[in-house]
C-alpha atoms as a PDB file:
ATOM      1  CA  MET A   1       6.685  33.308 -18.333  1.00  0.00           C
ATOM      2  CA  LYS A   2       6.101  30.513 -15.830  1.00  0.00           C
ATOM      3  CA  ASN A   3       7.723  27.197 -16.726  1.00  0.00           C
ATOM      4  CA  LYS A   4       5.259  24.347 -16.929  1.00  0.00           C
ATOM      5  CA  ILE A   5       5.719  21.795 -14.150  1.00  0.00           C
ATOM      6  CA  ILE A   6       5.820  18.154 -15.171  1.00  0.00           C
ATOM      7  CA  PRO A   7       3.009  16.238 -13.400  1.00  0.00           C
ATOM      8  CA  THR A   8       4.415  15.304 -10.019  1.00  0.00           C
ATOM      9  CA  LEU A   9       3.318  13.056  -7.160  1.00  0.00           C
ATOM     10  CA  ILE A  10       4.749  14.203  -3.823  1.00  0.00           C
ATOM     11  CA  VAL A  11       4.819  11.233  -1.453  1.00  0.00           C
ATOM     12  CA  ILE A  12       4.996  11.798   2.312  1.00  0.00           C
ATOM     13  CA  VAL A  13       5.807   8.767   4.453  1.00  0.00           C
ATOM     14  CA  GLY A  14       6.717   8.087   8.055  1.00  0.00           C
ATOM     15  CA  PRO A  15       5.564   6.360  11.206  1.00  0.00           C
ATOM     16  CA  THR A  16       2.195   6.759  12.828  1.00  0.00           C
ATOM     17  CA  ALA A  17       1.696   9.959  14.875  1.00  0.00           C
ATOM     18  CA  VAL A  18       4.739  11.721  13.399  1.00  0.00           C
ATOM     19  CA  GLY A  19       2.640  14.551  11.906  1.00  0.00           C
ATOM     20  CA  LYS A  20       2.112  13.490   8.283  1.00  0.00           C
ATOM     21  CA  THR A  21      -1.459  14.816   8.067  1.00  0.00           C
ATOM     22  CA  SER A  22      -0.554  18.351   9.097  1.00  0.00           C
ATOM     23  CA  VAL A  23       2.427  18.567   6.744  1.00  0.00           C
ATOM     24  CA  SER A  24       0.490  17.098   3.818  1.00  0.00           C
ATOM     25  CA  ILE A  25      -2.339  19.626   4.185  1.00  0.00           C
ATOM     26  CA  GLN A  26       0.073  22.559   4.397  1.00  0.00           C
ATOM     27  CA  LEU A  27       1.850  21.350   1.264  1.00  0.00           C
ATOM     28  CA  ALA A  28      -1.447  20.767  -0.529  1.00  0.00           C
ATOM     29  CA  LYS A  29      -2.471  24.366   0.154  1.00  0.00           C
ATOM     30  CA  LYS A  30       0.940  25.652  -0.922  1.00  0.00           C
ATOM     31  CA  TYR A  31       0.864  23.770  -4.251  1.00  0.00           C
ATOM     32  CA  ASN A  32      -2.909  23.848  -4.891  1.00  0.00           C
ATOM     33  CA  ALA A  33      -3.005  20.061  -4.746  1.00  0.00           C
ATOM     34  CA  ASP A  34      -5.369  17.298  -3.651  1.00  0.00           C
ATOM     35  CA  VAL A  35      -4.332  14.622  -1.153  1.00  0.00           C
ATOM     36  CA  ILE A  36      -4.437  10.836  -1.540  1.00  0.00           C
ATOM     37  CA  SER A  37      -4.435   8.803   1.670  1.00  0.00           C
ATOM     38  CA  ALA A  38      -2.184   5.758   1.470  1.00  0.00           C
ATOM     39  CA  ASP A  39      -3.154   4.574   4.929  1.00  0.00           C
ATOM     40  CA  SER A  40      -4.784   1.183   4.477  1.00  0.00           C
ATOM     41  CA  ARG A  41      -7.023   1.702   7.537  1.00  0.00           C
ATOM     42  CA  GLN A  42      -8.309   5.186   6.727  1.00  0.00           C
ATOM     43  CA  PHE A  43     -10.262   3.778   3.772  1.00  0.00           C
ATOM     44  CA  TYR A  44     -12.964   2.529   6.141  1.00  0.00           C
ATOM     45  CA  SER A  45     -15.825   4.871   7.004  1.00  0.00           C
ATOM     46  CA  GLU A  46     -16.827   3.169  10.270  1.00  0.00           C
ATOM     47  CA  ILE A  47     -13.505   3.738  12.071  1.00  0.00           C
ATOM     48  CA  PRO A  48     -12.257   7.328  11.584  1.00  0.00           C
ATOM     49  CA  ILE A  49     -11.225   7.920  15.217  1.00  0.00           C
ATOM     50  CA  GLY A  50      -9.061   4.850  15.734  1.00  0.00           C
ATOM     51  CA  THR A  51      -7.371   5.269  12.352  1.00  0.00           C
ATOM     52  CA  ALA A  52      -6.645   8.985  12.941  1.00  0.00           C
ATOM     53  CA  ALA A  53      -8.389   9.838   9.679  1.00  0.00           C
ATOM     54  CA  PRO A  54      -8.287  13.593   8.988  1.00  0.00           C
ATOM     55  CA  THR A  55     -11.436  15.372  10.064  1.00  0.00           C
ATOM     56  CA  ILE A  56     -13.307  17.932   7.975  1.00  0.00           C
ATOM     57  CA  GLU A  57     -11.736  20.645  10.141  1.00  0.00           C
ATOM     58  CA  GLU A  58      -8.226  19.209   9.717  1.00  0.00           C
ATOM     59  CA  MET A  59      -8.617  18.984   5.951  1.00  0.00           C
ATOM     60  CA  GLU A  60      -9.090  22.780   5.836  1.00  0.00           C
ATOM     61  CA  GLY A  61     -10.896  22.644   2.514  1.00  0.00           C
ATOM     62  CA  VAL A  62      -8.276  20.434   0.839  1.00  0.00           C
ATOM     63  CA  LYS A  63      -9.856  17.648  -1.212  1.00  0.00           C
ATOM     64  CA  HIS A  64      -8.895  14.188   0.061  1.00  0.00           C
ATOM     65  CA  HIS A  65      -9.205  10.886  -1.774  1.00  0.00           C
ATOM     66  CA  PHE A  66      -9.444   7.371  -0.280  1.00  0.00           C
ATOM     67  CA  VAL A  67     -10.554   8.521   3.177  1.00  0.00           C
ATOM     68  CA  GLY A  68     -13.719   6.853   4.467  1.00  0.00           C
ATOM     69  CA  ASN A  69     -14.583   5.645   0.974  1.00  0.00           C
ATOM     70  CA  LEU A  70     -15.202   1.997   1.914  1.00  0.00           C
ATOM     71  CA  SER A  71     -16.995  -0.094   4.509  1.00  0.00           C
ATOM     72  CA  VAL A  72     -15.065  -2.553   6.657  1.00  0.00           C
ATOM     73  CA  ASN A  73     -17.250  -5.185   4.989  1.00  0.00           C
ATOM     74  CA  ASN A  74     -15.749  -4.379   1.582  1.00  0.00           C
ATOM     75  CA  TYR A  75     -12.896  -6.515   0.329  1.00  0.00           C
ATOM     76  CA  TYR A  76     -10.040  -4.257  -0.774  1.00  0.00           C
ATOM     77  CA  ASN A  77      -6.400  -4.932  -1.430  1.00  0.00           C
ATOM     78  CA  VAL A  78      -3.201  -3.292  -2.597  1.00  0.00           C
ATOM     79  CA  SER A  79      -3.757  -4.296  -6.223  1.00  0.00           C
ATOM     80  CA  LYS A  80      -7.137  -2.557  -6.322  1.00  0.00           C
ATOM     81  CA  PHE A  81      -5.621   0.491  -4.630  1.00  0.00           C
ATOM     82  CA  GLU A  82      -2.895   0.702  -7.277  1.00  0.00           C
ATOM     83  CA  THR A  83      -5.452   0.544 -10.079  1.00  0.00           C
ATOM     84  CA  ASP A  84      -7.752   3.094  -8.450  1.00  0.00           C
ATOM     85  CA  VAL A  85      -4.968   5.589  -7.750  1.00  0.00           C
ATOM     86  CA  ILE A  86      -3.366   5.331 -11.198  1.00  0.00           C
ATOM     87  CA  ASN A  87      -6.779   5.856 -12.825  1.00  0.00           C
ATOM     88  CA  LEU A  88      -7.394   8.865 -10.590  1.00  0.00           C
ATOM     89  CA  LEU A  89      -3.984  10.377 -11.400  1.00  0.00           C
ATOM     90  CA  GLU A  90      -4.447   9.905 -15.131  1.00  0.00           C
ATOM     91  CA  ASP A  91      -7.513  12.136 -15.026  1.00  0.00           C
ATOM     92  CA  TYR A  92      -6.195  14.486 -12.325  1.00  0.00           C
ATOM     93  CA  PHE A  93      -2.964  15.372 -14.130  1.00  0.00           C
ATOM     94  CA  ARG A  94      -4.945  16.577 -17.139  1.00  0.00           C
ATOM     95  CA  HIS A  95      -5.891  19.717 -15.218  1.00  0.00           C
ATOM     96  CA  LYS A  96      -3.526  19.884 -12.217  1.00  0.00           C
ATOM     97  CA  GLU A  97       0.244  19.573 -11.886  1.00  0.00           C
ATOM     98  CA  ILE A  98       0.838  18.290  -8.340  1.00  0.00           C
ATOM     99  CA  MET A  99      -0.790  15.624  -6.167  1.00  0.00           C
ATOM    100  CA  ILE A 100       0.157  14.777  -2.590  1.00  0.00           C
ATOM    101  CA  MET A 101       0.066  11.158  -1.388  1.00  0.00           C
ATOM    102  CA  VAL A 102       0.515  10.576   2.327  1.00  0.00           C
ATOM    103  CA  GLY A 103       0.526   7.499   4.521  1.00  0.00           C
ATOM    104  CA  GLY A 104       2.342   4.889   6.496  1.00  0.00           C
ATOM    105  CA  SER A 105       1.323   1.777   4.571  1.00  0.00           C
ATOM    106  CA  GLY A 106       4.538   0.968   2.731  1.00  0.00           C
ATOM    107  CA  LEU A 107       3.125  -1.739   0.489  1.00  0.00           C
ATOM    108  CA  TYR A 108       0.382   0.578  -0.797  1.00  0.00           C
ATOM    109  CA  ILE A 109       2.856   3.380  -1.454  1.00  0.00           C
ATOM    110  CA  ASN A 110       5.204   1.016  -3.305  1.00  0.00           C
ATOM    111  CA  ALA A 111       2.323  -0.200  -5.444  1.00  0.00           C
ATOM    112  CA  VAL A 112       1.581   3.308  -6.690  1.00  0.00           C
ATOM    113  CA  CYS A 113       5.213   4.362  -7.123  1.00  0.00           C
ATOM    114  CA  ASP A 114       6.706   1.153  -8.518  1.00  0.00           C
ATOM    115  CA  GLY A 115       3.794  -1.091  -9.458  1.00  0.00           C
ATOM    116  CA  ILE A 116       3.068  -4.603  -8.259  1.00  0.00           C
ATOM    117  CA  ASP A 117       2.940  -7.905 -10.074  1.00  0.00           C
ATOM    118  CA  GLU A 118      -0.275  -8.808 -11.842  1.00  0.00           C
ATOM    119  CA  LEU A 119      -1.892 -11.590  -9.867  1.00  0.00           C
ATOM    120  CA  PRO A 120      -4.993 -13.598 -10.762  1.00  0.00           C
ATOM    121  CA  ASP A 121      -8.543 -12.736  -9.779  1.00  0.00           C
ATOM    122  CA  ILE A 122      -9.724 -14.928  -6.922  1.00  0.00           C
ATOM    123  CA  ASP A 123     -12.931 -16.961  -6.869  1.00  0.00           C
ATOM    124  CA  GLU A 124     -15.278 -15.535  -4.271  1.00  0.00           C
ATOM    125  CA  SER A 125     -16.009 -19.002  -2.896  1.00  0.00           C
ATOM    126  CA  LEU A 126     -12.294 -19.592  -2.240  1.00  0.00           C
ATOM    127  CA  ARG A 127     -12.002 -16.222  -0.523  1.00  0.00           C
ATOM    128  CA  LYS A 128     -14.986 -17.015   1.700  1.00  0.00           C
ATOM    129  CA  ASP A 129     -13.561 -20.443   2.585  1.00  0.00           C
ATOM    130  CA  LEU A 130     -10.247 -18.937   3.677  1.00  0.00           C
ATOM    131  CA  ASN A 131     -11.942 -16.225   5.705  1.00  0.00           C
ATOM    132  CA  TYR A 132     -14.093 -18.871   7.365  1.00  0.00           C
ATOM    133  CA  LEU A 133     -10.943 -20.865   8.194  1.00  0.00           C
ATOM    134  CA  TYR A 134      -9.398 -17.773   9.768  1.00  0.00           C
ATOM    135  CA  GLN A 135     -12.496 -16.924  11.801  1.00  0.00           C
ATOM    136  CA  GLU A 136     -13.011 -20.469  13.035  1.00  0.00           C
ATOM    137  CA  GLU A 137      -9.435 -21.664  13.601  1.00  0.00           C
ATOM    138  CA  GLY A 138      -7.481 -18.433  13.977  1.00  0.00           C
ATOM    139  CA  LEU A 139      -4.222 -17.007  12.674  1.00  0.00           C
ATOM    140  CA  LYS A 140      -2.227 -20.169  13.366  1.00  0.00           C
ATOM    141  CA  SER A 141      -4.254 -22.105  10.800  1.00  0.00           C
ATOM    142  CA  LEU A 142      -3.296 -19.582   8.097  1.00  0.00           C
ATOM    143  CA  GLN A 143       0.355 -19.669   9.143  1.00  0.00           C
ATOM    144  CA  ASN A 144       0.486 -23.460   8.998  1.00  0.00           C
ATOM    145  CA  LYS A 145      -1.211 -23.579   5.605  1.00  0.00           C
ATOM    146  CA  LEU A 146       1.133 -20.970   4.115  1.00  0.00           C
ATOM    147  CA  PHE A 147       4.183 -22.773   5.512  1.00  0.00           C
ATOM    148  CA  THR A 148       3.035 -25.896   3.674  1.00  0.00           C
ATOM    149  CA  LEU A 149       2.186 -24.185   0.363  1.00  0.00           C
ATOM    150  CA  ASP A 150       4.943 -21.563   0.144  1.00  0.00           C
ATOM    151  CA  PRO A 151       7.642 -21.862   2.825  1.00  0.00           C
ATOM    152  CA  GLU A 152       9.826 -19.268   1.089  1.00  0.00           C
ATOM    153  CA  TYR A 153       7.178 -16.550   1.368  1.00  0.00           C
ATOM    154  CA  TYR A 154       6.330 -17.731   4.887  1.00  0.00           C
ATOM    155  CA  ASN A 155       9.897 -16.878   5.928  1.00  0.00           C
ATOM    156  CA  LYS A 156       9.641 -13.359   4.422  1.00  0.00           C
ATOM    157  CA  VAL A 157       6.154 -12.199   5.318  1.00  0.00           C
ATOM    158  CA  ASP A 158       4.897 -10.717   8.584  1.00  0.00           C
ATOM    159  CA  ILE A 159       3.193 -13.907   9.733  1.00  0.00           C
ATOM    160  CA  ASN A 160       1.062 -11.962  12.218  1.00  0.00           C
ATOM    161  CA  ASN A 161      -0.618 -10.000   9.413  1.00  0.00           C
ATOM    162  CA  PRO A 162      -3.713 -11.972   8.345  1.00  0.00           C
ATOM    163  CA  LYS A 163      -4.290  -9.830   5.230  1.00  0.00           C
ATOM    164  CA  ARG A 164      -0.899 -10.783   3.825  1.00  0.00           C
ATOM    165  CA  LEU A 165      -1.390 -14.449   4.708  1.00  0.00           C
ATOM    166  CA  LEU A 166      -4.851 -14.581   3.195  1.00  0.00           C
ATOM    167  CA  ARG A 167      -3.712 -12.928  -0.033  1.00  0.00           C
ATOM    168  CA  ALA A 168      -0.794 -15.345  -0.447  1.00  0.00           C
ATOM    169  CA  LEU A 169      -3.000 -18.361   0.275  1.00  0.00           C
ATOM    170  CA  GLU A 170      -5.626 -17.150  -2.211  1.00  0.00           C
ATOM    171  CA  VAL A 171      -3.022 -17.004  -4.971  1.00  0.00           C
ATOM    172  CA  CYS A 172      -1.443 -20.358  -4.053  1.00  0.00           C
ATOM    173  CA  LEU A 173      -4.776 -22.163  -4.010  1.00  0.00           C
ATOM    174  CA  GLN A 174      -6.193 -20.384  -7.086  1.00  0.00           C
ATOM    175  CA  THR A 175      -3.149 -21.057  -9.306  1.00  0.00           C
ATOM    176  CA  GLY A 176      -1.522 -24.145  -7.825  1.00  0.00           C
ATOM    177  CA  GLN A 177       1.757 -22.194  -7.820  1.00  0.00           C
ATOM    178  CA  THR A 178       3.653 -20.533  -5.007  1.00  0.00           C
ATOM    179  CA  TYR A 179       2.995 -16.867  -4.300  1.00  0.00           C
ATOM    180  CA  THR A 180       6.770 -16.352  -4.387  1.00  0.00           C
ATOM    181  CA  SER A 181       7.080 -17.619  -7.968  1.00  0.00           C
ATOM    182  CA  LEU A 182       4.443 -15.154  -9.201  1.00  0.00           C
ATOM    183  CA  ARG A 183       5.966 -12.086  -7.524  1.00  0.00           C
ATOM    184  CA  LYS A 184       8.578 -10.833 -10.001  1.00  0.00           C
ATOM    185  CA  GLY A 185       9.067  -7.400  -8.456  1.00  0.00           C
ATOM    186  CA  ASN A 186       9.655  -5.603 -11.773  1.00  0.00           C
ATOM    187  CA  LYS A 187       9.519  -1.820 -11.333  1.00  0.00           C
ATOM    188  CA  VAL A 188       7.018   0.080 -13.477  1.00  0.00           C
ATOM    189  CA  ASN A 189       7.942   3.440 -15.018  1.00  0.00           C
ATOM    190  CA  ARG A 190       5.166   5.909 -14.195  1.00  0.00           C
ATOM    191  CA  PRO A 191       4.256   8.796 -16.561  1.00  0.00           C
ATOM    192  CA  PHE A 192       4.764  11.367 -13.799  1.00  0.00           C
ATOM    193  CA  ASN A 193       7.556  12.512 -11.510  1.00  0.00           C
ATOM    194  CA  ILE A 194       7.720  11.193  -7.954  1.00  0.00           C
ATOM    195  CA  ILE A 195       9.273  13.079  -5.036  1.00  0.00           C
ATOM    196  CA  LYS A 196       9.488  11.057  -1.821  1.00  0.00           C
ATOM    197  CA  LEU A 197       9.735  12.737   1.581  1.00  0.00           C
ATOM    198  CA  GLY A 198      10.028  11.003   4.953  1.00  0.00           C
ATOM    199  CA  LEU A 199       9.091  12.523   8.306  1.00  0.00           C
ATOM    200  CA  GLU A 200      10.877  11.401  11.453  1.00  0.00           C
ATOM    201  CA  LEU A 201      11.357  12.407  15.089  1.00  0.00           C
ATOM    202  CA  PRO A 202      13.635  11.183  17.882  1.00  0.00           C
ATOM    203  CA  ARG A 203      12.129   8.039  19.365  1.00  0.00           C
ATOM    204  CA  GLU A 204      11.325   9.680  22.717  1.00  0.00           C
ATOM    205  CA  GLN A 205       9.382  12.477  21.023  1.00  0.00           C
ATOM    206  CA  LEU A 206       7.507  10.050  18.788  1.00  0.00           C
ATOM    207  CA  ASN A 207       6.579   7.859  21.755  1.00  0.00           C
ATOM    208  CA  GLU A 208       5.235  10.914  23.578  1.00  0.00           C
ATOM    209  CA  ARG A 209       3.139  11.813  20.545  1.00  0.00           C
ATOM    210  CA  ILE A 210       1.824   8.254  20.322  1.00  0.00           C
ATOM    211  CA  GLU A 211       0.772   8.336  23.977  1.00  0.00           C
ATOM    212  CA  ARG A 212      -0.942  11.715  23.567  1.00  0.00           C
ATOM    213  CA  ARG A 213      -2.752  10.498  20.473  1.00  0.00           C
ATOM    214  CA  VAL A 214      -4.083   7.405  22.244  1.00  0.00           C
ATOM    215  CA  TYR A 215      -5.580   9.516  25.033  1.00  0.00           C
ATOM    216  CA  SER A 216      -6.890  12.072  22.525  1.00  0.00           C
ATOM    217  CA  MET A 217      -8.674   9.320  20.607  1.00  0.00           C
ATOM    218  CA  LEU A 218     -10.223   8.034  23.809  1.00  0.00           C
ATOM    219  CA  GLU A 219     -11.461  11.533  24.623  1.00  0.00           C
ATOM    220  CA  GLU A 220     -13.039  11.624  21.159  1.00  0.00           C
ATOM    221  CA  LYS A 221     -15.110   8.551  22.154  1.00  0.00           C
ATOM    222  CA  TRP A 222     -12.974   5.956  20.434  1.00  0.00           C
ATOM    223  CA  LEU A 223     -14.382   3.258  22.717  1.00  0.00           C
ATOM    224  CA  ASP A 224     -17.887   4.027  21.447  1.00  0.00           C
ATOM    225  CA  GLU A 225     -16.593   3.625  17.894  1.00  0.00           C
ATOM    226  CA  VAL A 226     -15.077   0.250  18.801  1.00  0.00           C
ATOM    227  CA  LYS A 227     -18.361  -0.855  20.391  1.00  0.00           C
ATOM    228  CA  SER A 228     -20.214   0.113  17.199  1.00  0.00           C
ATOM    229  CA  VAL A 229     -18.133  -2.355  15.156  1.00  0.00           C
ATOM    230  CA  TYR A 230     -17.770  -5.037  17.825  1.00  0.00           C
ATOM    231  CA  HIS A 231     -20.149  -7.351  15.951  1.00  0.00           C
ATOM    232  CA  LEU A 232     -17.688  -7.219  13.032  1.00  0.00           C
ATOM    233  CA  LYS A 233     -14.615  -7.946  15.132  1.00  0.00           C
ATOM    234  CA  ASN A 234     -13.536 -10.885  12.944  1.00  0.00           C
ATOM    235  CA  VAL A 235     -13.445  -8.785   9.771  1.00  0.00           C
ATOM    236  CA  ASN A 236      -9.879  -8.417   8.452  1.00  0.00           C
ATOM    237  CA  ALA A 237     -10.042  -4.623   8.368  1.00  0.00           C
ATOM    238  CA  LEU A 238     -10.471  -4.583  12.154  1.00  0.00           C
ATOM    239  CA  ASN A 239      -7.590  -6.912  12.921  1.00  0.00           C
ATOM    240  CA  THR A 240      -5.356  -3.952  13.655  1.00  0.00           C
ATOM    241  CA  VAL A 241      -3.687  -2.114  16.530  1.00  0.00           C
ATOM    242  CA  GLY A 242      -6.166  -0.467  18.853  1.00  0.00           C
ATOM    243  CA  TYR A 243      -9.198  -2.459  17.843  1.00  0.00           C
ATOM    244  CA  LYS A 244      -7.730  -5.842  18.763  1.00  0.00           C
ATOM    245  CA  GLU A 245      -6.851  -4.600  22.260  1.00  0.00           C
ATOM    246  CA  LEU A 246     -10.175  -2.881  22.890  1.00  0.00           C
ATOM    247  CA  PHE A 247     -12.060  -5.946  21.645  1.00  0.00           C
ATOM    248  CA  LYS A 248     -10.237  -7.927  24.327  1.00  0.00           C
ATOM    249  CA  TYR A 249     -11.368  -5.387  26.913  1.00  0.00           C
ATOM    250  CA  LEU A 250     -14.961  -5.693  25.682  1.00  0.00           C
ATOM    251  CA  ASN A 251     -14.588  -9.503  25.813  1.00  0.00           C
ATOM    252  CA  ALA A 252     -13.511  -9.128  29.481  1.00  0.00           C
ATOM    253  CA  GLU A 253     -10.169 -10.764  28.643  1.00  0.00           C
ATOM    254  CA  TRP A 254      -8.278  -7.630  29.806  1.00  0.00           C
ATOM    255  CA  ASP A 255      -9.152  -4.788  32.116  1.00  0.00           C
ATOM    256  CA  TYR A 256      -9.327  -1.263  30.692  1.00  0.00           C
ATOM    257  CA  GLU A 257      -5.886  -0.146  31.918  1.00  0.00           C
ATOM    258  CA  THR A 258      -4.213  -3.237  30.469  1.00  0.00           C
ATOM    259  CA  ALA A 259      -5.868  -2.675  27.075  1.00  0.00           C
ATOM    260  CA  ILE A 260      -4.705   0.947  26.928  1.00  0.00           C
ATOM    261  CA  GLU A 261      -1.130   0.048  27.884  1.00  0.00           C
ATOM    262  CA  LYS A 262      -1.100  -2.691  25.241  1.00  0.00           C
ATOM    263  CA  ILE A 263      -2.311  -0.196  22.621  1.00  0.00           C
ATOM    264  CA  LYS A 264       0.552   2.166  23.450  1.00  0.00           C
ATOM    265  CA  VAL A 265       3.147  -0.611  23.378  1.00  0.00           C
ATOM    266  CA  ASN A 266       1.855  -2.149  20.149  1.00  0.00           C
ATOM    267  CA  THR A 267       1.592   1.258  18.454  1.00  0.00           C
ATOM    268  CA  ARG A 268       5.214   1.977  19.323  1.00  0.00           C
ATOM    269  CA  ARG A 269       6.182  -1.392  17.855  1.00  0.00           C
ATOM    270  CA  PHE A 270       4.148  -0.670  14.748  1.00  0.00           C
ATOM    271  CA  ALA A 271       5.881   2.697  14.314  1.00  0.00           C
ATOM    272  CA  LYS A 272       9.257   0.986  14.606  1.00  0.00           C
ATOM    273  CA  ARG A 273       8.297  -1.519  11.896  1.00  0.00           C
ATOM    274  CA  GLN A 274       7.170   1.329   9.646  1.00  0.00           C
ATOM    275  CA  MET A 275      10.513   3.095  10.020  1.00  0.00           C
ATOM    276  CA  THR A 276      12.403  -0.128   9.323  1.00  0.00           C
ATOM    277  CA  TRP A 277      10.414  -0.512   6.104  1.00  0.00           C
ATOM    278  CA  PHE A 278      10.901   3.054   4.863  1.00  0.00           C
ATOM    279  CA  LYS A 279      14.567   3.365   5.824  1.00  0.00           C
ATOM    280  CA  ARG A 280      15.389   0.646   3.293  1.00  0.00           C
ATOM    281  CA  TYR A 281      14.750   3.074   0.437  1.00  0.00           C
ATOM    282  CA  GLU A 282      17.474   5.468  -0.661  1.00  0.00           C
ATOM    283  CA  ASP A 283      15.112   7.661  -2.705  1.00  0.00           C
ATOM    284  CA  ILE A 284      13.356   9.035   0.405  1.00  0.00           C
ATOM    285  CA  SER A 285      14.680  12.368   1.749  1.00  0.00           C
ATOM    286  CA  TRP A 286      14.120  12.737   5.483  1.00  0.00           C
ATOM    287  CA  PHE A 287      12.955  15.793   7.445  1.00  0.00           C
ATOM    288  CA  SER A 288      11.497  16.692  10.815  1.00  0.00           C
ATOM    289  CA  PRO A 289       7.767  17.521  10.580  1.00  0.00           C
ATOM    290  CA  ASN A 290       8.744  20.930  12.001  1.00  0.00           C
ATOM    291  CA  GLU A 291      10.944  21.762   8.979  1.00  0.00           C
ATOM    292  CA  LEU A 292       8.188  22.904   6.630  1.00  0.00           C
ATOM    293  CA  ASN A 293      10.270  25.661   5.027  1.00  0.00           C
ATOM    294  CA  ASN A 294      13.122  23.247   4.294  1.00  0.00           C
ATOM    295  CA  ILE A 295      10.651  20.736   2.874  1.00  0.00           C
ATOM    296  CA  ILE A 296       9.207  23.375   0.552  1.00  0.00           C
ATOM    297  CA  LYS A 297      12.688  24.456  -0.583  1.00  0.00           C
ATOM    298  CA  TYR A 298      13.563  20.845  -1.344  1.00  0.00           C
ATOM    299  CA  ILE A 299      10.380  20.327  -3.343  1.00  0.00           C
ATOM    300  CA  ASP A 300      10.850  23.580  -5.266  1.00  0.00           C
ATOM    301  CA  ASN A 301      14.380  22.546  -6.216  1.00  0.00           C
ATOM    302  CA  ARG A 302      13.130  19.168  -7.415  1.00  0.00           C
ATOM    303  CA  LEU A 303      10.272  20.699  -9.372  1.00  0.00           C
END
């Protein structure tokens, strides 16, 4: 008689272009599982090419959640993602045993696995005021304001990430307290098992894959996609690698070749930051994306 498997979330992390999508779909088919995307850019329906969202063909009949489910005009954050995923899993695990979650957005993955601190709801007028400040005066205005209100968090956060800055400023201004003081970092015990897998490649191989992906996206008419959202270029969801550089090309600030080279360089830097983030965690077991059989053996042993 088959032993019942305790509900389990298999988490697949790693840098951009390493091959997470392919591995996640193969594992989903092996374990009759759905897939949750934990890529904070793949949520947006207008930008599937530049975010390398899995296509219908790539999904191979595997049901995916949180892919193309929002518009870039929608406000969405890590707290909402945590709530949405936990609600989904509560229902899902009533009739299935295994779910796959895959992505490179470390904060979103941590939120699902460990929980995040409960922070206050933000007045819409305050949110609009801060977004207006960002659009009119740029990133530096957010950096300066955060340095004044919460210098401790300023020295920890990626100060070039406007989403993080805006969220911290919202909380500071809404509560009158520092964002740091409200972030306790207490780990939540989830009612399901979690198995974390990391995918990695030698840097030279990963850089080659990044370069090939950039040119593949361009062949898929990525530039047309960027043009279609150009009028929304100041929206936070589009302040990301690839779009920022191609917006500068469309603004005639850079020529085409310069924009493409900048995309490759900035994507490599982004991949390096992702690996730095994930390598901090001792509960992630690392594999090459080509080691599918070893990955399956590891999962089976853990199950």
